[in-house]
Amino acid sequence: NWDDKFWNTSNVVSQGNRAFIEAQTMKTNFSTCTFMQTQMSINGTAL
């Protein structure tokens, strides 16, 4: 009922075409790293 935040974000970082967010749950301190990598192509040819 209080629109609580769920995560405490501790680190936001990018490395080239990759990025990462480290965060912990507010009460239990369960830690995660959410990650991604991106790639582009045109007509099947990688850019």
ModelCIF file with pLDDT and N, C-alpha, C, O atoms, coordinates in Angstrom:
data_MODEL
#
_entry.id   MODEL 
#
_entity.id                         1 
_entity.type                       polymer 
_entity.pdbx_number_of_molecules   1 
#
_entity_poly.entity_id                      1 
_entity_poly.type                           'polypeptide(L)' 
_entity_poly.nstd_linkage                   no 
_entity_poly.nstd_monomer                   no 
_entity_poly.pdbx_seq_one_letter_code       NWDDKFWNTSNVVSQGNRAFIEAQTMKTNFSTCTFMQTQMSINGTAL 
_entity_poly.pdbx_seq_one_letter_code_can   NWDDKFWNTSNVVSQGNRAFIEAQTMKTNFSTCTFMQTQMSINGTAL 
_entity_poly.pdbx_strand_id                 A 
#
loop_
_entity_poly_seq.entity_id 
_entity_poly_seq.num 
_entity_poly_seq.mon_id 
_entity_poly_seq.hetero 
1 1  ASN n 
1 2  TRP n 
1 3  ASP n 
1 4  ASP n 
1 5  LYS n 
1 6  PHE n 
1 7  TRP n 
1 8  ASN n 
1 9  THR n 
1 10 SER n 
1 11 ASN n 
1 12 VAL n 
1 13 VAL n 
1 14 SER n 
1 15 GLN n 
1 16 GLY n 
1 17 ASN n 
1 18 ARG n 
1 19 ALA n 
1 20 PHE n 
1 21 ILE n 
1 22 GLU n 
1 23 ALA n 
1 24 GLN n 
1 25 THR n 
1 26 MET n 
1 27 LYS n 
1 28 THR n 
1 29 ASN n 
1 30 PHE n 
1 31 SER n 
1 32 THR n 
1 33 CYS n 
1 34 THR n 
1 35 PHE n 
1 36 MET n 
1 37 GLN n 
1 38 THR n 
1 39 GLN n 
1 40 MET n 
1 41 SER n 
1 42 ILE n 
1 43 ASN n 
1 44 GLY n 
1 45 THR n 
1 46 ALA n 
1 47 LEU n 
#
_struct_asym.id          A 
_struct_asym.entity_id   1 
#
loop_
_ma_qa_metric.id 
_ma_qa_metric.mode 
_ma_qa_metric.name 
_ma_qa_metric.software_group_id 
_ma_qa_metric.type 
1 global pLDDT . pLDDT 
2 local  pLDDT . pLDDT 
#
_ma_qa_metric_global.metric_id      1 
_ma_qa_metric_global.metric_value   91.04 
_ma_qa_metric_global.model_id       1 
_ma_qa_metric_global.ordinal_id     1 
#
loop_
_ma_qa_metric_local.label_asym_id 
_ma_qa_metric_local.label_comp_id 
_ma_qa_metric_local.label_seq_id 
_ma_qa_metric_local.metric_id 
_ma_qa_metric_local.metric_value 
_ma_qa_metric_local.model_id 
_ma_qa_metric_local.ordinal_id 
A ASN 1  2 52.00 1 1  
A TRP 2  2 60.00 1 2  
A ASP 3  2 63.00 1 3  
A ASP 4  2 70.00 1 4  
A LYS 5  2 76.00 1 5  
A PHE 6  2 79.00 1 6  
A TRP 7  2 87.00 1 7  
A ASN 8  2 92.00 1 8  
A THR 9  2 95.00 1 9  
A SER 10 2 95.00 1 10 
A ASN 11 2 96.00 1 11 
A VAL 12 2 97.00 1 12 
A VAL 13 2 96.00 1 13 
A SER 14 2 96.00 1 14 
A GLN 15 2 94.00 1 15 
A GLY 16 2 93.00 1 16 
A ASN 17 2 96.00 1 17 
A ARG 18 2 97.00 1 18 
A ALA 19 2 98.00 1 19 
A PHE 20 2 98.00 1 20 
A ILE 21 2 98.00 1 21 
A GLU 22 2 97.00 1 22 
A ALA 23 2 96.00 1 23 
A GLN 24 2 94.00 1 24 
A THR 25 2 90.00 1 25 
A MET 26 2 81.00 1 26 
A LYS 27 2 81.00 1 27 
A THR 28 2 88.00 1 28 
A ASN 29 2 90.00 1 29 
A PHE 30 2 94.00 1 30 
A SER 31 2 96.00 1 31 
A THR 32 2 96.00 1 32 
A CYS 33 2 98.00 1 33 
A THR 34 2 98.00 1 34 
A PHE 35 2 98.00 1 35 
A MET 36 2 98.00 1 36 
A GLN 37 2 98.00 1 37 
A THR 38 2 97.00 1 38 
A GLN 39 2 96.00 1 39 
A MET 40 2 97.00 1 40 
A SER 41 2 97.00 1 41 
A ILE 42 2 97.00 1 42 
A ASN 43 2 97.00 1 43 
A GLY 44 2 95.00 1 44 
A THR 45 2 95.00 1 45 
A ALA 46 2 94.00 1 46 
A LEU 47 2 93.00 1 47 
#
loop_
_atom_site.group_PDB 
_atom_site.id 
_atom_site.type_symbol 
_atom_site.label_atom_id 
_atom_site.label_alt_id 
_atom_site.label_comp_id 
_atom_site.label_asym_id 
_atom_site.label_entity_id 
_atom_site.label_seq_id 
_atom_site.pdbx_PDB_ins_code 
_atom_site.Cartn_x 
_atom_site.Cartn_y 
_atom_site.Cartn_z 
_atom_site.occupancy 
_atom_site.B_iso_or_equiv 
_atom_site.pdbx_formal_charge 
_atom_site.auth_seq_id 
_atom_site.auth_comp_id 
_atom_site.auth_asym_id 
_atom_site.auth_atom_id 
_atom_site.pdbx_PDB_model_num 
ATOM 1   N N  . ASN A 1 1  ? 0.809  -1.212  0.000   1.00 52.00 ? 1  ASN A N  1 
ATOM 2   C CA . ASN A 1 1  ? 0.000  0.000   0.000   1.00 52.00 ? 1  ASN A CA 1 
ATOM 3   C C  . ASN A 1 1  ? 0.845  1.266   0.000   1.00 52.00 ? 1  ASN A C  1 
ATOM 4   O O  . ASN A 1 1  ? 0.320  2.378   -0.055  1.00 52.00 ? 1  ASN A O  1 
ATOM 5   N N  . TRP A 1 2  ? 2.160  1.083   0.063   1.00 60.00 ? 2  TRP A N  1 
ATOM 6   C CA . TRP A 1 2  ? 3.035  2.246   0.203   1.00 60.00 ? 2  TRP A CA 1 
ATOM 7   C C  . TRP A 1 2  ? 3.921  2.449   -1.023  1.00 60.00 ? 2  TRP A C  1 
ATOM 8   O O  . TRP A 1 2  ? 4.804  3.307   -1.006  1.00 60.00 ? 2  TRP A O  1 
ATOM 9   N N  . ASP A 1 3  ? 3.701  1.682   -2.081  1.00 63.00 ? 3  ASP A N  1 
ATOM 10  C CA . ASP A 1 3  ? 4.483  1.829   -3.308  1.00 63.00 ? 3  ASP A CA 1 
ATOM 11  C C  . ASP A 1 3  ? 5.979  1.720   -3.016  1.00 63.00 ? 3  ASP A C  1 
ATOM 12  O O  . ASP A 1 3  ? 6.781  2.531   -3.480  1.00 63.00 ? 3  ASP A O  1 
ATOM 13  N N  . ASP A 1 4  ? 6.331  0.704   -2.240  1.00 70.00 ? 4  ASP A N  1 
ATOM 14  C CA . ASP A 1 4  ? 7.703  0.555   -1.761  1.00 70.00 ? 4  ASP A CA 1 
ATOM 15  C C  . ASP A 1 4  ? 8.679  0.236   -2.887  1.00 70.00 ? 4  ASP A C  1 
ATOM 16  O O  . ASP A 1 4  ? 8.337  -0.450  -3.850  1.00 70.00 ? 4  ASP A O  1 
ATOM 17  N N  . LYS A 1 5  ? 9.892  0.744   -2.746  1.00 76.00 ? 5  LYS A N  1 
ATOM 18  C CA . LYS A 1 5  ? 10.978 0.271   -3.588  1.00 76.00 ? 5  LYS A CA 1 
ATOM 19  C C  . LYS A 1 5  ? 11.309 -1.167  -3.202  1.00 76.00 ? 5  LYS A C  1 
ATOM 20  O O  . LYS A 1 5  ? 11.235 -1.543  -2.032  1.00 76.00 ? 5  LYS A O  1 
ATOM 21  N N  . PHE A 1 6  ? 11.675 -1.966  -4.208  1.00 79.00 ? 6  PHE A N  1 
ATOM 22  C CA . PHE A 1 6  ? 11.974 -3.372  -3.946  1.00 79.00 ? 6  PHE A CA 1 
ATOM 23  C C  . PHE A 1 6  ? 13.474 -3.623  -3.895  1.00 79.00 ? 6  PHE A C  1 
ATOM 24  O O  . PHE A 1 6  ? 13.932 -4.538  -3.211  1.00 79.00 ? 6  PHE A O  1 
ATOM 25  N N  . TRP A 1 7  ? 14.247 -2.800  -4.626  1.00 87.00 ? 7  TRP A N  1 
ATOM 26  C CA . TRP A 1 7  ? 15.675 -3.046  -4.785  1.00 87.00 ? 7  TRP A CA 1 
ATOM 27  C C  . TRP A 1 7  ? 16.505 -1.855  -4.321  1.00 87.00 ? 7  TRP A C  1 
ATOM 28  O O  . TRP A 1 7  ? 16.114 -0.700  -4.488  1.00 87.00 ? 7  TRP A O  1 
ATOM 29  N N  . ASN A 1 8  ? 17.655 -2.161  -3.736  1.00 92.00 ? 8  ASN A N  1 
ATOM 30  C CA . ASN A 1 8  ? 18.686 -1.176  -3.454  1.00 92.00 ? 8  ASN A CA 1 
ATOM 31  C C  . ASN A 1 8  ? 19.763 -1.344  -4.513  1.00 92.00 ? 8  ASN A C  1 
ATOM 32  O O  . ASN A 1 8  ? 20.511 -2.321  -4.480  1.00 92.00 ? 8  ASN A O  1 
ATOM 33  N N  . THR A 1 9  ? 19.856 -0.414  -5.450  1.00 95.00 ? 9  THR A N  1 
ATOM 34  C CA . THR A 1 9  ? 20.818 -0.516  -6.556  1.00 95.00 ? 9  THR A CA 1 
ATOM 35  C C  . THR A 1 9  ? 22.174 -0.013  -6.101  1.00 95.00 ? 9  THR A C  1 
ATOM 36  O O  . THR A 1 9  ? 22.302 1.122   -5.641  1.00 95.00 ? 9  THR A O  1 
ATOM 37  N N  . SER A 1 10 ? 23.191 -0.864  -6.232  1.00 95.00 ? 10 SER A N  1 
ATOM 38  C CA . SER A 1 10 ? 24.521 -0.532  -5.725  1.00 95.00 ? 10 SER A CA 1 
ATOM 39  C C  . SER A 1 10 ? 25.541 -0.235  -6.806  1.00 95.00 ? 10 SER A C  1 
ATOM 40  O O  . SER A 1 10 ? 26.569 0.383   -6.528  1.00 95.00 ? 10 SER A O  1 
ATOM 41  N N  . ASN A 1 11 ? 25.275 -0.668  -8.056  1.00 96.00 ? 11 ASN A N  1 
ATOM 42  C CA . ASN A 1 11 ? 26.292 -0.497  -9.097  1.00 96.00 ? 11 ASN A CA 1 
ATOM 43  C C  . ASN A 1 11 ? 25.644 -0.543  -10.472 1.00 96.00 ? 11 ASN A C  1 
ATOM 44  O O  . ASN A 1 11 ? 24.906 -1.476  -10.789 1.00 96.00 ? 11 ASN A O  1 
ATOM 45  N N  . VAL A 1 12 ? 25.923 0.470   -11.289 1.00 97.00 ? 12 VAL A N  1 
ATOM 46  C CA . VAL A 1 12 ? 25.464 0.523   -12.678 1.00 97.00 ? 12 VAL A CA 1 
ATOM 47  C C  . VAL A 1 12 ? 26.690 0.740   -13.548 1.00 97.00 ? 12 VAL A C  1 
ATOM 48  O O  . VAL A 1 12 ? 27.393 1.739   -13.395 1.00 97.00 ? 12 VAL A O  1 
ATOM 49  N N  . VAL A 1 13 ? 26.954 -0.196  -14.469 1.00 96.00 ? 13 VAL A N  1 
ATOM 50  C CA . VAL A 1 13 ? 28.199 -0.126  -15.229 1.00 96.00 ? 13 VAL A CA 1 
ATOM 51  C C  . VAL A 1 13 ? 27.975 -0.623  -16.645 1.00 96.00 ? 13 VAL A C  1 
ATOM 52  O O  . VAL A 1 13 ? 27.130 -1.487  -16.879 1.00 96.00 ? 13 VAL A O  1 
ATOM 53  N N  . SER A 1 14 ? 28.737 -0.073  -17.599 1.00 96.00 ? 14 SER A N  1 
ATOM 54  C CA . SER A 1 14 ? 28.705 -0.553  -18.986 1.00 96.00 ? 14 SER A CA 1 
ATOM 55  C C  . SER A 1 14 ? 30.121 -0.859  -19.446 1.00 96.00 ? 14 SER A C  1 
ATOM 56  O O  . SER A 1 14 ? 31.091 -0.239  -19.010 1.00 96.00 ? 14 SER A O  1 
ATOM 57  N N  . GLN A 1 15 ? 30.207 -1.840  -20.346 1.00 94.00 ? 15 GLN A N  1 
ATOM 58  C CA . GLN A 1 15 ? 31.487 -2.253  -20.920 1.00 94.00 ? 15 GLN A CA 1 
ATOM 59  C C  . GLN A 1 15 ? 31.274 -2.519  -22.401 1.00 94.00 ? 15 GLN A C  1 
ATOM 60  O O  . GLN A 1 15 ? 30.892 -3.628  -22.776 1.00 94.00 ? 15 GLN A O  1 
ATOM 61  N N  . GLY A 1 16 ? 31.515 -1.516  -23.261 1.00 93.00 ? 16 GLY A N  1 
ATOM 62  C CA . GLY A 1 16 ? 31.308 -1.696  -24.692 1.00 93.00 ? 16 GLY A CA 1 
ATOM 63  C C  . GLY A 1 16 ? 29.842 -1.920  -25.002 1.00 93.00 ? 16 GLY A C  1 
ATOM 64  O O  . GLY A 1 16 ? 29.010 -1.048  -24.753 1.00 93.00 ? 16 GLY A O  1 
ATOM 65  N N  . ASN A 1 17 ? 29.520 -3.094  -25.548 1.00 96.00 ? 17 ASN A N  1 
ATOM 66  C CA . ASN A 1 17 ? 28.125 -3.413  -25.871 1.00 96.00 ? 17 ASN A CA 1 
ATOM 67  C C  . ASN A 1 17 ? 27.461 -4.250  -24.780 1.00 96.00 ? 17 ASN A C  1 
ATOM 68  O O  . ASN A 1 17 ? 26.467 -4.932  -25.030 1.00 96.00 ? 17 ASN A O  1 
ATOM 69  N N  . ARG A 1 18 ? 28.014 -4.194  -23.578 1.00 97.00 ? 18 ARG A N  1 
ATOM 70  C CA . ARG A 1 18 ? 27.452 -4.893  -22.432 1.00 97.00 ? 18 ARG A CA 1 
ATOM 71  C C  . ARG A 1 18 ? 27.169 -3.903  -21.296 1.00 97.00 ? 18 ARG A C  1 
ATOM 72  O O  . ARG A 1 18 ? 27.818 -2.862  -21.182 1.00 97.00 ? 18 ARG A O  1 
ATOM 73  N N  . ALA A 1 19 ? 26.188 -4.253  -20.461 1.00 98.00 ? 19 ALA A N  1 
ATOM 74  C CA . ALA A 1 19 ? 25.877 -3.417  -19.303 1.00 98.00 ? 19 ALA A CA 1 
ATOM 75  C C  . ALA A 1 19 ? 25.396 -4.303  -18.158 1.00 98.00 ? 19 ALA A C  1 
ATOM 76  O O  . ALA A 1 19 ? 24.896 -5.409  -18.366 1.00 98.00 ? 19 ALA A O  1 
ATOM 77  N N  . PHE A 1 20 ? 25.563 -3.780  -16.938 1.00 98.00 ? 20 PHE A N  1 
ATOM 78  C CA . PHE A 1 20 ? 25.270 -4.565  -15.745 1.00 98.00 ? 20 PHE A CA 1 
ATOM 79  C C  . PHE A 1 20 ? 24.696 -3.651  -14.660 1.00 98.00 ? 20 PHE A C  1 
ATOM 80  O O  . PHE A 1 20 ? 25.117 -2.504  -14.511 1.00 98.00 ? 20 PHE A O  1 
ATOM 81  N N  . ILE A 1 21 ? 23.738 -4.175  -13.915 1.00 98.00 ? 21 ILE A N  1 
ATOM 82  C CA . ILE A 1 21 ? 23.227 -3.497  -12.726 1.00 98.00 ? 21 ILE A CA 1 
ATOM 83  C C  . ILE A 1 21 ? 23.267 -4.487  -11.562 1.00 98.00 ? 21 ILE A C  1 
ATOM 84  O O  . ILE A 1 21 ? 22.661 -5.556  -11.619 1.00 98.00 ? 21 ILE A O  1 
ATOM 85  N N  . GLU A 1 22 ? 23.987 -4.114  -10.515 1.00 97.00 ? 22 GLU A N  1 
ATOM 86  C CA . GLU A 1 22 ? 23.995 -4.915  -9.303  1.00 97.00 ? 22 GLU A CA 1 
ATOM 87  C C  . GLU A 1 22 ? 23.018 -4.294  -8.309  1.00 97.00 ? 22 GLU A C  1 
ATOM 88  O O  . GLU A 1 22 ? 23.016 -3.081  -8.097  1.00 97.00 ? 22 GLU A O  1 
ATOM 89  N N  . ALA A 1 23 ? 22.189 -5.143  -7.704  1.00 96.00 ? 23 ALA A N  1 
ATOM 90  C CA . ALA A 1 23 ? 21.166 -4.661  -6.776  1.00 96.00 ? 23 ALA A CA 1 
ATOM 91  C C  . ALA A 1 23 ? 20.887 -5.729  -5.725  1.00 96.00 ? 23 ALA A C  1 
ATOM 92  O O  . ALA A 1 23 ? 21.136 -6.917  -5.926  1.00 96.00 ? 23 ALA A O  1 
ATOM 93  N N  . GLN A 1 24 ? 20.354 -5.254  -4.582  1.00 94.00 ? 24 GLN A N  1 
ATOM 94  C CA . GLN A 1 24 ? 20.023 -6.150  -3.480  1.00 94.00 ? 24 GLN A CA 1 
ATOM 95  C C  . GLN A 1 24 ? 18.590 -5.869  -3.031  1.00 94.00 ? 24 GLN A C  1 
ATOM 96  O O  . GLN A 1 24 ? 18.135 -4.725  -3.050  1.00 94.00 ? 24 GLN A O  1 
ATOM 97  N N  . THR A 1 25 ? 17.891 -6.921  -2.629  1.00 90.00 ? 25 THR A N  1 
ATOM 98  C CA . THR A 1 25 ? 16.551 -6.722  -2.080  1.00 90.00 ? 25 THR A CA 1 
ATOM 99  C C  . THR A 1 25 ? 16.653 -5.925  -0.777  1.00 90.00 ? 25 THR A C  1 
ATOM 100 O O  . THR A 1 25 ? 17.617 -6.061  -0.023  1.00 90.00 ? 25 THR A O  1 
ATOM 101 N N  . MET A 1 26 ? 15.642 -5.095  -0.530  1.00 81.00 ? 26 MET A N  1 
ATOM 102 C CA . MET A 1 26 ? 15.714 -4.132  0.558   1.00 81.00 ? 26 MET A CA 1 
ATOM 103 C C  . MET A 1 26 ? 15.805 -4.789  1.941   1.00 81.00 ? 26 MET A C  1 
ATOM 104 O O  . MET A 1 26 ? 16.506 -4.280  2.816   1.00 81.00 ? 26 MET A O  1 
ATOM 105 N N  . LYS A 1 27 ? 15.122 -5.887  2.145   1.00 81.00 ? 27 LYS A N  1 
ATOM 106 C CA . LYS A 1 27 ? 15.062 -6.465  3.488   1.00 81.00 ? 27 LYS A CA 1 
ATOM 107 C C  . LYS A 1 27 ? 15.975 -7.673  3.673   1.00 81.00 ? 27 LYS A C  1 
ATOM 108 O O  . LYS A 1 27 ? 16.591 -7.829  4.727   1.00 81.00 ? 27 LYS A O  1 
ATOM 109 N N  . THR A 1 28 ? 16.063 -8.521  2.663   1.00 88.00 ? 28 THR A N  1 
ATOM 110 C CA . THR A 1 28 ? 16.826 -9.768  2.816   1.00 88.00 ? 28 THR A CA 1 
ATOM 111 C C  . THR A 1 28 ? 18.239 -9.679  2.266   1.00 88.00 ? 28 THR A C  1 
ATOM 112 O O  . THR A 1 28 ? 19.046 -10.579 2.497   1.00 88.00 ? 28 THR A O  1 
ATOM 113 N N  . ASN A 1 29 ? 18.556 -8.601  1.537   1.00 90.00 ? 29 ASN A N  1 
ATOM 114 C CA . ASN A 1 29 ? 19.889 -8.402  0.965   1.00 90.00 ? 29 ASN A CA 1 
ATOM 115 C C  . ASN A 1 29 ? 20.282 -9.497  -0.024  1.00 90.00 ? 29 ASN A C  1 
ATOM 116 O O  . ASN A 1 29 ? 21.462 -9.808  -0.180  1.00 90.00 ? 29 ASN A O  1 
ATOM 117 N N  . PHE A 1 30 ? 19.292 -10.072 -0.685  1.00 94.00 ? 30 PHE A N  1 
ATOM 118 C CA . PHE A 1 30 ? 19.545 -11.026 -1.777  1.00 94.00 ? 30 PHE A CA 1 
ATOM 119 C C  . PHE A 1 30 ? 20.128 -10.248 -2.950  1.00 94.00 ? 30 PHE A C  1 
ATOM 120 O O  . PHE A 1 30 ? 19.534 -9.265  -3.394  1.00 94.00 ? 30 PHE A O  1 
ATOM 121 N N  . SER A 1 31 ? 21.284 -10.676 -3.460  1.00 96.00 ? 31 SER A N  1 
ATOM 122 C CA . SER A 1 31 ? 22.020 -9.900  -4.461  1.00 96.00 ? 31 SER A CA 1 
ATOM 123 C C  . SER A 1 31 ? 21.844 -10.463 -5.863  1.00 96.00 ? 31 SER A C  1 
ATOM 124 O O  . SER A 1 31 ? 21.826 -11.676 -6.070  1.00 96.00 ? 31 SER A O  1 
ATOM 125 N N  . THR A 1 32 ? 21.716 -9.554  -6.815  1.00 96.00 ? 32 THR A N  1 
ATOM 126 C CA . THR A 1 32 ? 21.594 -9.937  -8.221  1.00 96.00 ? 32 THR A CA 1 
ATOM 127 C C  . THR A 1 32 ? 22.478 -9.050  -9.086  1.00 96.00 ? 32 THR A C  1 
ATOM 128 O O  . THR A 1 32 ? 22.807 -7.921  -8.723  1.00 96.00 ? 32 THR A O  1 
ATOM 129 N N  . CYS A 1 33 ? 22.846 -9.585  -10.220 1.00 98.00 ? 33 CYS A N  1 
ATOM 130 C CA . CYS A 1 33 ? 23.412 -8.794  -11.303 1.00 98.00 ? 33 CYS A CA 1 
ATOM 131 C C  . CYS A 1 33 ? 22.524 -9.002  -12.523 1.00 98.00 ? 33 CYS A C  1 
ATOM 132 O O  . CYS A 1 33 ? 22.452 -10.103 -13.069 1.00 98.00 ? 33 CYS A O  1 
ATOM 133 N N  . THR A 1 34 ? 21.850 -7.937  -12.943 1.00 98.00 ? 34 THR A N  1 
ATOM 134 C CA . THR A 1 34 ? 21.060 -7.964  -14.168 1.00 98.00 ? 34 THR A CA 1 
ATOM 135 C C  . THR A 1 34 ? 21.968 -7.527  -15.305 1.00 98.00 ? 34 THR A C  1 
ATOM 136 O O  . THR A 1 34 ? 22.645 -6.505  -15.193 1.00 98.00 ? 34 THR A O  1 
ATOM 137 N N  . PHE A 1 35 ? 21.995 -8.287  -16.405 1.00 98.00 ? 35 PHE A N  1 
ATOM 138 C CA . PHE A 1 35 ? 22.994 -8.005  -17.444 1.00 98.00 ? 35 PHE A CA 1 
ATOM 139 C C  . PHE A 1 35 ? 22.377 -8.034  -18.829 1.00 98.00 ? 35 PHE A C  1 
ATOM 140 O O  . PHE A 1 35 ? 21.305 -8.602  -19.041 1.00 98.00 ? 35 PHE A O  1 
ATOM 141 N N  . MET A 1 36 ? 23.079 -7.406  -19.771 1.00 98.00 ? 36 MET A N  1 
ATOM 142 C CA . MET A 1 36 ? 22.663 -7.464  -21.173 1.00 98.00 ? 36 MET A CA 1 
ATOM 143 C C  . MET A 1 36 ? 23.865 -7.267  -22.088 1.00 98.00 ? 36 MET A C  1 
ATOM 144 O O  . MET A 1 36 ? 24.882 -6.689  -21.704 1.00 98.00 ? 36 MET A O  1 
ATOM 145 N N  . GLN A 1 37 ? 23.714 -7.762  -23.301 1.00 98.00 ? 37 GLN A N  1 
ATOM 146 C CA . GLN A 1 37 ? 24.642 -7.506  -24.404 1.00 98.00 ? 37 GLN A CA 1 
ATOM 147 C C  . GLN A 1 37 ? 23.830 -7.276  -25.666 1.00 98.00 ? 37 GLN A C  1 
ATOM 148 O O  . GLN A 1 37 ? 22.829 -7.956  -25.893 1.00 98.00 ? 37 GLN A O  1 
ATOM 149 N N  . THR A 1 38 ? 24.251 -6.324  -26.487 1.00 97.00 ? 38 THR A N  1 
ATOM 150 C CA . THR A 1 38 ? 23.509 -6.006  -27.697 1.00 97.00 ? 38 THR A CA 1 
ATOM 151 C C  . THR A 1 38 ? 24.384 -6.163  -28.931 1.00 97.00 ? 38 THR A C  1 
ATOM 152 O O  . THR A 1 38 ? 25.586 -5.896  -28.900 1.00 97.00 ? 38 THR A O  1 
ATOM 153 N N  . GLN A 1 39 ? 23.753 -6.604  -30.023 1.00 96.00 ? 39 GLN A N  1 
ATOM 154 C CA . GLN A 1 39 ? 24.413 -6.743  -31.315 1.00 96.00 ? 39 GLN A CA 1 
ATOM 155 C C  . GLN A 1 39 ? 23.470 -6.237  -32.397 1.00 96.00 ? 39 GLN A C  1 
ATOM 156 O O  . GLN A 1 39 ? 22.258 -6.435  -32.314 1.00 96.00 ? 39 GLN A O  1 
ATOM 157 N N  . MET A 1 40 ? 24.034 -5.577  -33.426 1.00 97.00 ? 40 MET A N  1 
ATOM 158 C CA . MET A 1 40 ? 23.236 -5.050  -34.526 1.00 97.00 ? 40 MET A CA 1 
ATOM 159 C C  . MET A 1 40 ? 23.653 -5.703  -35.840 1.00 97.00 ? 40 MET A C  1 
ATOM 160 O O  . MET A 1 40 ? 24.808 -6.083  -36.029 1.00 97.00 ? 40 MET A O  1 
ATOM 161 N N  . SER A 1 41 ? 22.668 -5.824  -36.753 1.00 97.00 ? 41 SER A N  1 
ATOM 162 C CA . SER A 1 41 ? 22.972 -6.320  -38.092 1.00 97.00 ? 41 SER A CA 1 
ATOM 163 C C  . SER A 1 41 ? 22.007 -5.700  -39.100 1.00 97.00 ? 41 SER A C  1 
ATOM 164 O O  . SER A 1 41 ? 20.904 -5.285  -38.746 1.00 97.00 ? 41 SER A O  1 
ATOM 165 N N  . ILE A 1 42 ? 22.435 -5.644  -40.349 1.00 97.00 ? 42 ILE A N  1 
ATOM 166 C CA . ILE A 1 42 ? 21.578 -5.225  -41.460 1.00 97.00 ? 42 ILE A CA 1 
ATOM 167 C C  . ILE A 1 42 ? 21.595 -6.324  -42.501 1.00 97.00 ? 42 ILE A C  1 
ATOM 168 O O  . ILE A 1 42 ? 22.658 -6.714  -42.985 1.00 97.00 ? 42 ILE A O  1 
ATOM 169 N N  . ASN A 1 43 ? 20.417 -6.825  -42.848 1.00 97.00 ? 43 ASN A N  1 
ATOM 170 C CA . ASN A 1 43 ? 20.264 -7.876  -43.860 1.00 97.00 ? 43 ASN A CA 1 
ATOM 171 C C  . ASN A 1 43 ? 21.164 -9.072  -43.560 1.00 97.00 ? 43 ASN A C  1 
ATOM 172 O O  . ASN A 1 43 ? 21.731 -9.681  -44.467 1.00 97.00 ? 43 ASN A O  1 
ATOM 173 N N  . GLY A 1 44 ? 21.286 -9.394  -42.279 1.00 95.00 ? 44 GLY A N  1 
ATOM 174 C CA . GLY A 1 44 ? 22.044 -10.561 -41.869 1.00 95.00 ? 44 GLY A CA 1 
ATOM 175 C C  . GLY A 1 44 ? 23.527 -10.344 -41.685 1.00 95.00 ? 44 GLY A C  1 
ATOM 176 O O  . GLY A 1 44 ? 24.235 -11.263 -41.273 1.00 95.00 ? 44 GLY A O  1 
ATOM 177 N N  . THR A 1 45 ? 24.024 -9.140  -41.983 1.00 95.00 ? 45 THR A N  1 
ATOM 178 C CA . THR A 1 45 ? 25.449 -8.840  -41.834 1.00 95.00 ? 45 THR A CA 1 
ATOM 179 C C  . THR A 1 45 ? 25.675 -8.073  -40.537 1.00 95.00 ? 45 THR A C  1 
ATOM 180 O O  . THR A 1 45 ? 25.102 -7.004  -40.325 1.00 95.00 ? 45 THR A O  1 
ATOM 181 N N  . ALA A 1 46 ? 26.515 -8.633  -39.672 1.00 94.00 ? 46 ALA A N  1 
ATOM 182 C CA . ALA A 1 46 ? 26.767 -8.016  -38.375 1.00 94.00 ? 46 ALA A CA 1 
ATOM 183 C C  . ALA A 1 46 ? 27.469 -6.676  -38.544 1.00 94.00 ? 46 ALA A C  1 
ATOM 184 O O  . ALA A 1 46 ? 28.325 -6.517  -39.414 1.00 94.00 ? 46 ALA A O  1 
ATOM 185 N N  . LEU A 1 47 ? 27.102 -5.725  -37.712 1.00 93.00 ? 47 LEU A N  1 
ATOM 186 C CA . LEU A 1 47 ? 27.693 -4.398  -37.725 1.00 93.00 ? 47 LEU A CA 1 
ATOM 187 C C  . LEU A 1 47 ? 28.579 -4.222  -36.499 1.00 93.00 ? 47 LEU A C  1 
ATOM 188 O O  . LEU A 1 47 ? 29.178 -3.162  -36.318 1.00 93.00 ? 47 LEU A O  1 
#
